Amino acid sequence: MQNVAVSKTLAPNSDRFVQNAMVLATLNENDPNPAIIGCSQRMQAVFDLVDKVADSDSTILITGETGTGKGLVAKAIHQYSNRSNKPFISINCGAIPENLLESELFGHVRGAFTGATVSKSGKFELAHGGTIFLDEIGDMSPDLQVKVLKVLEEGEFEQVGGAKTIKVNVRVIAATHRDLPEEVKKGNFRQDLFYRLYVIPIGLPALRDRRSDIPYLISYFIKMYNNKNNKNLDGISDNALEVLMNYGWPGNVRELRNVIERLVVLSGSGQIAANDLPKELRVANGYQATQSIEVTDDGICLNSAVTEFEKDLILQSLEKTKWVKNKAAKLLQLNRTTLVEKIKRHRIQQRAS
């Protein structure tokens, strides 16, 4: 098996390759999510674990918040396994109504229920010889949990409405954003199924716990969406990068990817500036970038507008110089004492790190 870690990726504002960044290629180049990128210790540990477990047939449980890349890791494990030339079948157990999920998983025979005009193979049967990825398995009903447990233990099942036992050889990878041990305590998830899934656990870190990866992810997504949309965005400014590095990213890598796609489409060229970032990101970071001021038909208070404009510029200069007032004053072509007075007057405070 080839090593899954490739030690090259691009820095946000450089054409040079950065040697300490790791890229885990998982899909073909036309896929919207073709790689997992990380230089952090947390992600390198994940890459090492994928390398070790890919060729085994052991069941794997991937945990992590929404948007951390659980599906990508599952595809990577399959790609680097000895089942890579067989099907990889994915199903989101939380996105399908309970009354339809059983049929999706195990298939059904003709006449099994209203509307079943033809027999249909289920995901387990379609994945024979390969891998089935049960995403959000923590949302599965207790009744279906029993049937999935049977497949894991015996490698066989019956279709909905059918009497024939179907045997399959599949590698099961499951994923959830839920705390399954807690769900077991609450009686929402079967303990026997949990232990059957929990053979090899892989925990994916939230993006806020791997902030050193953010510049490389930004660079990758800029390149990807430049190519996809025929744009020519050059990179990202230091101020904008600082805002993105300090944001909490509740939606994790998926949220970052969507933000960069939006910026590439709307900007198209030049560099991403702090002013270009979505307002919610700037506000969450205590960063209010200078906005263009428009005189409406109702008029505008010039004094208030000038005050806000001045306050924004001071804050930007402080952020850019990491709150070194001498340097910030030079950027604004002010005396340090003048800048300090303005900071007091505007009640500007450094946000907590």
Protein backbone atom coordinates (compact mmCIF):
# COMPACT_ATOMS: atom_id res chain seq x y z
CA MET A 1 0.00 0.00 0.00
CA GLN A 2 1.30 3.44 -0.81
CA ASN A 3 1.87 5.83 2.04
CA VAL A 4 -1.17 8.09 2.31
CA ALA A 5 0.73 11.23 3.29
CA VAL A 6 2.16 13.49 0.58
CA SER A 7 4.32 16.24 2.05
CA LYS A 8 3.55 19.14 -0.29
CA THR A 9 0.93 21.84 -0.43
CA LEU A 10 0.79 25.56 -1.17
CA ALA A 11 1.05 28.39 1.32
CA PRO A 12 -1.69 31.06 1.05
CA ASN A 13 0.45 33.74 -0.62
CA SER A 14 3.36 31.81 -2.06
CA ASP A 15 4.21 29.72 -5.08
CA ARG A 16 6.70 27.70 -3.04
CA PHE A 17 5.85 24.28 -1.71
CA VAL A 18 5.73 24.01 2.07
CA GLN A 19 7.36 20.79 3.20
CA ASN A 20 5.70 20.34 6.59
CA ALA A 21 2.13 20.32 5.27
CA MET A 22 0.47 17.00 4.65
CA VAL A 23 -2.05 16.18 1.94
CA LEU A 24 -4.13 13.05 2.05
CA ALA A 25 -5.48 12.56 -1.47
CA THR A 26 -8.73 10.64 -1.29
CA LEU A 27 -10.67 11.11 -4.51
CA ASN A 28 -10.22 11.97 -8.16
CA GLU A 29 -9.49 15.51 -9.25
CA ASN A 30 -13.06 16.14 -10.41
CA ASP A 31 -14.53 15.47 -6.97
CA PRO A 32 -15.55 18.63 -5.02
CA ASN A 33 -13.64 17.33 -1.98
CA PRO A 34 -10.52 15.71 -3.43
CA ALA A 35 -8.16 15.93 -0.47
CA ILE A 36 -7.78 16.09 3.28
CA ILE A 37 -5.17 18.69 4.20
CA GLY A 38 -3.33 19.10 7.47
CA CYS A 39 0.07 19.91 8.90
CA SER A 40 -1.04 19.82 12.53
CA GLN A 41 -0.03 16.99 14.83
CA ARG A 42 -3.69 16.07 15.31
CA MET A 43 -4.21 15.52 11.58
CA GLN A 44 -0.88 13.78 11.03
CA ALA A 45 -1.97 11.33 13.74
CA VAL A 46 -5.18 10.71 11.77
CA PHE A 47 -3.18 10.14 8.58
CA ASP A 48 -0.94 7.64 10.37
CA LEU A 49 -3.97 5.78 11.71
CA VAL A 50 -5.58 5.62 8.26
CA ASP A 51 -2.33 4.18 6.92
CA LYS A 52 -2.30 1.48 9.60
CA VAL A 53 -5.94 0.36 9.42
CA ALA A 54 -6.79 0.70 5.72
CA ASP A 55 -5.79 -2.83 4.71
CA SER A 56 -7.58 -4.52 7.60
CA ASP A 57 -11.22 -5.58 7.54
CA SER A 58 -11.88 -4.29 11.05
CA THR A 59 -14.95 -2.16 11.67
CA ILE A 60 -14.18 1.52 12.14
CA LEU A 61 -16.10 4.22 13.99
CA ILE A 62 -15.26 7.79 12.96
CA THR A 63 -16.37 10.51 15.35
CA GLY A 64 -16.23 14.26 15.12
CA GLU A 65 -18.32 17.38 14.78
CA THR A 66 -20.31 18.14 11.66
CA GLY A 67 -18.05 19.34 8.87
CA THR A 68 -14.80 17.79 10.14
CA GLY A 69 -14.43 15.42 7.18
CA LYS A 70 -15.72 12.07 8.43
CA GLY A 71 -16.91 11.07 4.96
CA LEU A 72 -13.56 11.97 3.39
CA VAL A 73 -11.67 9.85 5.91
CA ALA A 74 -13.99 6.91 5.22
CA LYS A 75 -13.32 7.24 1.47
CA ALA A 76 -9.59 7.48 2.12
CA ILE A 77 -9.64 4.26 4.14
CA HIS A 78 -11.46 2.50 1.31
CA GLN A 79 -9.16 3.94 -1.37
CA TYR A 80 -6.03 2.71 0.39
CA SER A 81 -7.49 -0.70 1.30
CA ASN A 82 -7.33 -3.99 -0.59
CA ARG A 83 -11.02 -3.43 -1.40
CA SER A 84 -10.33 -0.26 -3.41
CA ASN A 85 -11.39 -1.86 -6.70
CA LYS A 86 -14.74 -2.84 -5.20
CA PRO A 87 -17.75 -0.58 -4.44
CA PHE A 88 -17.74 2.16 -1.83
CA ILE A 89 -21.38 2.67 -0.84
CA SER A 90 -22.39 5.53 1.43
CA ILE A 91 -25.70 6.20 3.14
CA ASN A 92 -26.67 8.93 5.59
CA CYS A 93 -28.78 7.22 8.23
CA GLY A 94 -30.05 10.54 9.57
CA ALA A 95 -31.26 11.89 6.23
CA ILE A 96 -33.70 9.09 5.34
CA PRO A 97 -37.07 8.56 7.07
CA GLU A 98 -37.09 5.53 9.35
CA ASN A 99 -39.76 3.74 7.34
CA LEU A 100 -37.59 3.93 4.21
CA LEU A 101 -34.16 3.40 5.73
CA GLU A 102 -34.60 -0.36 6.24
CA SER A 103 -35.38 -0.80 2.55
CA GLU A 104 -32.42 1.39 1.59
CA LEU A 105 -30.07 -0.68 3.73
CA PHE A 106 -31.35 -4.19 3.04
CA GLY A 107 -33.49 -3.90 -0.08
CA HIS A 108 -37.00 -5.22 -0.58
CA VAL A 109 -38.91 -7.75 -2.66
CA ARG A 110 -41.74 -6.90 -4.99
CA GLY A 111 -44.98 -6.31 -3.09
CA ALA A 112 -43.28 -5.89 0.28
CA PHE A 113 -45.16 -2.63 0.83
CA THR A 114 -47.31 -0.16 -1.05
CA GLY A 115 -45.36 1.16 -3.99
CA ALA A 116 -42.85 -1.72 -4.09
CA THR A 117 -43.64 -2.65 -7.70
CA VAL A 118 -40.20 -4.18 -8.31
CA SER A 119 -37.58 -5.84 -6.16
CA LYS A 120 -34.64 -3.64 -5.14
CA SER A 121 -31.19 -4.42 -3.80
CA GLY A 122 -30.11 -2.60 -0.65
CA LYS A 123 -26.87 -0.81 0.16
CA PHE A 124 -25.35 -3.79 1.95
CA GLU A 125 -25.87 -6.01 -1.08
CA LEU A 126 -24.54 -3.34 -3.46
CA ALA A 127 -21.42 -2.99 -1.30
CA HIS A 128 -20.57 -6.71 -1.51
CA GLY A 129 -16.80 -7.12 -1.64
CA GLY A 130 -16.24 -3.46 -0.84
CA THR A 131 -17.03 -0.96 1.88
CA ILE A 132 -20.27 0.45 3.26
CA PHE A 133 -20.17 3.78 5.04
CA LEU A 134 -22.99 4.29 7.55
CA ASP A 135 -22.91 8.02 8.17
CA GLU A 136 -24.70 9.43 11.23
CA ILE A 137 -25.37 5.96 12.57
CA GLY A 138 -26.23 7.55 15.92
CA ASP A 139 -29.54 8.67 14.39
CA MET A 140 -30.61 5.11 13.56
CA SER A 141 -33.66 3.66 15.33
CA PRO A 142 -33.22 0.81 17.86
CA ASP A 143 -35.09 -1.64 15.60
CA LEU A 144 -32.69 -1.06 12.72
CA GLN A 145 -29.72 -1.18 15.08
CA VAL A 146 -30.60 -4.82 15.80
CA LYS A 147 -30.56 -5.69 12.10
CA VAL A 148 -27.28 -3.90 11.47
CA LEU A 149 -25.78 -5.78 14.41
CA LYS A 150 -26.80 -9.06 12.77
CA VAL A 151 -25.01 -8.13 9.56
CA LEU A 152 -21.89 -7.23 11.51
CA GLU A 153 -21.89 -10.45 13.49
CA GLU A 154 -23.14 -12.95 10.90
CA GLY A 155 -22.60 -11.26 7.53
CA GLU A 156 -26.18 -11.94 6.43
CA PHE A 157 -29.65 -10.37 6.30
CA GLU A 158 -33.08 -10.65 4.71
CA GLN A 159 -34.70 -8.12 2.42
CA VAL A 160 -37.84 -6.34 3.54
CA GLY A 161 -40.70 -8.76 2.82
CA GLY A 162 -38.30 -11.51 1.80
CA ALA A 163 -37.49 -14.90 3.32
CA LYS A 164 -34.21 -15.60 1.53
CA THR A 165 -31.03 -15.03 3.52
CA ILE A 166 -28.46 -12.96 1.66
CA LYS A 167 -24.81 -13.29 2.61
CA VAL A 168 -22.43 -10.39 2.08
CA ASN A 169 -18.76 -9.64 2.56
CA VAL A 170 -18.49 -5.96 3.41
CA ARG A 171 -16.22 -3.76 5.45
CA VAL A 172 -18.30 -1.46 7.68
CA ILE A 173 -17.23 2.09 8.48
CA ALA A 174 -19.63 4.09 10.62
CA ALA A 175 -19.59 7.74 11.62
CA THR A 176 -21.46 10.01 13.99
CA HIS A 177 -21.30 13.48 15.49
CA ARG A 178 -23.10 12.20 18.58
CA ASP A 179 -21.53 11.07 21.86
CA LEU A 180 -22.39 7.38 21.50
CA PRO A 181 -21.32 6.32 25.03
CA GLU A 182 -23.73 8.96 26.35
CA GLU A 183 -26.43 7.75 23.95
CA VAL A 184 -25.87 4.22 25.28
CA LYS A 185 -26.37 5.45 28.84
CA LYS A 186 -29.60 7.17 27.80
CA GLY A 187 -30.86 3.98 26.15
CA ASN A 188 -30.90 5.54 22.67
CA PHE A 189 -28.15 3.34 21.24
CA ARG A 190 -27.58 -0.37 21.77
CA GLN A 191 -24.54 -1.17 23.86
CA ASP A 192 -23.77 -4.37 21.93
CA LEU A 193 -23.82 -2.51 18.61
CA PHE A 194 -21.63 0.24 20.03
CA TYR A 195 -18.95 -2.23 21.09
CA ARG A 196 -19.22 -4.02 17.75
CA LEU A 197 -18.59 -0.72 15.95
CA TYR A 198 -15.96 0.53 18.37
CA VAL A 199 -13.20 -1.78 17.15
CA ILE A 200 -11.02 0.96 15.71
CA PRO A 201 -12.10 4.48 16.73
CA ILE A 202 -10.89 7.50 14.77
CA GLY A 203 -11.63 10.88 16.32
CA LEU A 204 -11.42 13.90 14.03
CA PRO A 205 -10.47 17.23 15.62
CA ALA A 206 -12.59 20.33 15.22
CA LEU A 207 -11.05 23.03 13.03
CA ARG A 208 -10.62 25.29 16.07
CA ASP A 209 -8.33 22.58 17.50
CA ARG A 210 -6.14 22.49 14.39
CA ARG A 211 -5.84 26.18 13.54
CA SER A 212 -2.38 25.73 12.01
CA ASP A 213 -4.08 23.93 9.12
CA ILE A 214 -6.29 26.89 8.22
CA PRO A 215 -3.78 28.70 5.93
CA TYR A 216 -3.21 25.52 3.92
CA LEU A 217 -6.93 24.81 3.65
CA ILE A 218 -7.54 28.37 2.47
CA SER A 219 -4.83 28.04 -0.18
CA TYR A 220 -6.24 24.72 -1.36
CA PHE A 221 -9.82 25.97 -1.58
CA ILE A 222 -8.78 29.16 -3.41
CA LYS A 223 -6.99 27.08 -6.01
CA MET A 224 -9.89 24.64 -6.30
CA TYR A 225 -12.58 27.30 -6.74
CA ASN A 226 -10.39 29.43 -9.02
CA ASN A 227 -10.19 26.44 -11.37
CA LYS A 228 -13.85 25.58 -11.00
CA ASN A 229 -15.12 29.11 -11.63
CA ASN A 230 -12.40 30.38 -14.01
CA LYS A 231 -11.34 33.03 -11.49
CA ASN A 232 -7.92 34.40 -10.61
CA LEU A 233 -7.92 35.18 -6.90
CA ASP A 234 -4.31 35.63 -5.78
CA GLY A 235 -4.54 34.81 -2.09
CA ILE A 236 -5.50 36.43 1.19
CA SER A 237 -4.28 39.48 3.09
CA ASP A 238 -2.66 39.19 6.52
CA ASN A 239 -5.59 40.96 8.19
CA ALA A 240 -8.16 38.68 6.59
CA LEU A 241 -6.11 35.60 7.41
CA GLU A 242 -5.89 36.69 11.05
CA VAL A 243 -9.68 37.00 11.25
CA LEU A 244 -10.15 33.52 9.76
CA MET A 245 -7.49 32.04 12.05
CA ASN A 246 -9.22 33.41 15.15
CA TYR A 247 -12.80 32.53 14.21
CA GLY A 248 -14.36 29.56 16.04
CA TRP A 249 -15.64 27.71 12.92
CA PRO A 250 -18.69 25.92 14.34
CA GLY A 251 -19.23 24.39 10.89
CA ASN A 252 -15.57 23.34 10.72
CA VAL A 253 -13.87 22.68 7.36
CA ARG A 254 -17.16 22.61 5.49
CA GLU A 255 -17.96 26.12 6.71
CA LEU A 256 -14.47 27.37 5.75
CA ARG A 257 -14.79 25.80 2.31
CA ASN A 258 -18.14 27.50 1.72
CA VAL A 259 -16.76 30.88 2.83
CA ILE A 260 -13.80 30.62 0.45
CA GLU A 261 -16.04 29.54 -2.43
CA ARG A 262 -18.22 32.60 -1.84
CA LEU A 263 -15.20 34.91 -1.72
CA VAL A 264 -13.70 33.46 -4.91
CA VAL A 265 -16.97 33.81 -6.81
CA LEU A 266 -17.70 37.35 -5.59
CA SER A 267 -14.13 38.74 -5.73
CA GLY A 268 -12.68 36.93 -8.70
CA SER A 269 -9.25 38.56 -8.62
CA GLY A 270 -6.76 40.27 -6.32
CA GLN A 271 -6.43 39.29 -2.68
CA ILE A 272 -9.12 38.57 -0.10
CA ALA A 273 -9.20 41.58 2.22
CA ALA A 274 -10.71 41.79 5.70
CA ASN A 275 -13.48 43.98 4.26
CA ASP A 276 -14.46 41.10 1.95
CA LEU A 277 -15.14 38.65 4.78
CA PRO A 278 -18.70 37.92 5.90
CA LYS A 279 -19.85 40.28 8.63
CA GLU A 280 -20.52 37.50 11.13
CA LEU A 281 -16.88 36.40 10.98
CA ARG A 282 -15.57 39.93 11.51
CA VAL A 283 -17.98 40.65 14.36
CA ALA A 284 -17.17 37.36 16.08
CA ASN A 285 -13.51 38.34 16.05
CA GLY A 286 -14.15 41.85 17.35
CA TYR A 287 -13.02 43.12 13.96
CA GLN A 288 -15.16 45.68 12.21
CA ALA A 289 -13.61 46.42 8.84
CA THR A 290 -14.12 49.78 7.24
CA GLN A 291 -17.25 49.86 5.14
CA SER A 292 -18.08 52.13 2.25
CA ILE A 293 -20.36 54.95 3.35
CA GLU A 294 -23.36 55.86 1.26
CA VAL A 295 -25.45 59.01 1.53
CA THR A 296 -29.07 57.91 1.30
CA ASP A 297 -32.16 59.98 0.49
CA ASP A 298 -32.74 60.28 4.25
CA GLY A 299 -29.32 61.85 4.70
CA ILE A 300 -26.46 60.87 7.00
CA CYS A 301 -24.85 62.19 10.17
CA LEU A 302 -21.43 63.25 8.96
CA ASN A 303 -19.91 63.46 12.45
CA SER A 304 -21.04 59.92 13.33
CA ALA A 305 -19.82 58.53 10.02
CA VAL A 306 -16.41 60.16 10.39
CA THR A 307 -16.13 58.88 13.96
CA GLU A 308 -16.91 55.31 12.94
CA PHE A 309 -14.52 55.56 9.99
CA GLU A 310 -11.73 56.73 12.27
CA LYS A 311 -12.45 54.03 14.82
CA ASP A 312 -12.33 51.33 12.14
CA LEU A 313 -9.01 52.52 10.78
CA ILE A 314 -7.46 52.62 14.25
CA LEU A 315 -8.68 49.11 15.00
CA GLN A 316 -7.30 47.81 11.69
CA SER A 317 -3.90 49.36 12.35
CA LEU A 318 -3.79 47.86 15.84
CA GLU A 319 -4.77 44.42 14.56
CA LYS A 320 -2.18 44.60 11.79
CA THR A 321 0.62 45.52 14.23
CA LYS A 322 -0.50 43.08 16.94
CA TRP A 323 -1.42 46.04 19.17
CA VAL A 324 2.04 47.61 19.18
CA LYS A 325 0.95 51.25 19.43
CA ASN A 326 4.18 52.74 18.11
CA LYS A 327 3.87 50.73 14.90
CA ALA A 328 0.13 51.41 14.62
CA ALA A 329 0.75 55.15 15.00
CA LYS A 330 3.31 55.03 12.17
CA LEU A 331 0.82 53.28 9.89
CA LEU A 332 -1.69 56.06 10.57
CA GLN A 333 0.98 58.79 10.42
CA LEU A 334 0.11 59.93 13.93
CA ASN A 335 2.05 60.63 17.10
CA ARG A 336 1.81 57.79 19.60
CA THR A 337 0.23 60.07 22.22
CA THR A 338 -2.42 61.14 19.72
CA LEU A 339 -3.23 57.54 18.90
CA VAL A 340 -3.48 56.63 22.60
CA GLU A 341 -5.93 59.48 23.18
CA LYS A 342 -8.07 58.35 20.25
CA ILE A 343 -8.06 54.77 21.52
CA LYS A 344 -9.32 55.99 24.90
CA ARG A 345 -11.92 58.26 23.33
CA HIS A 346 -13.31 55.48 21.13
CA ARG A 347 -13.04 52.96 23.98
CA ILE A 348 -11.18 50.51 21.77
CA GLN A 349 -10.10 47.38 23.63
CA GLN A 350 -8.01 44.44 22.57
CA ARG A 351 -10.11 41.32 22.25
CA ALA A 352 -9.22 38.33 24.40
CA SER A 353 -6.83 35.88 22.76
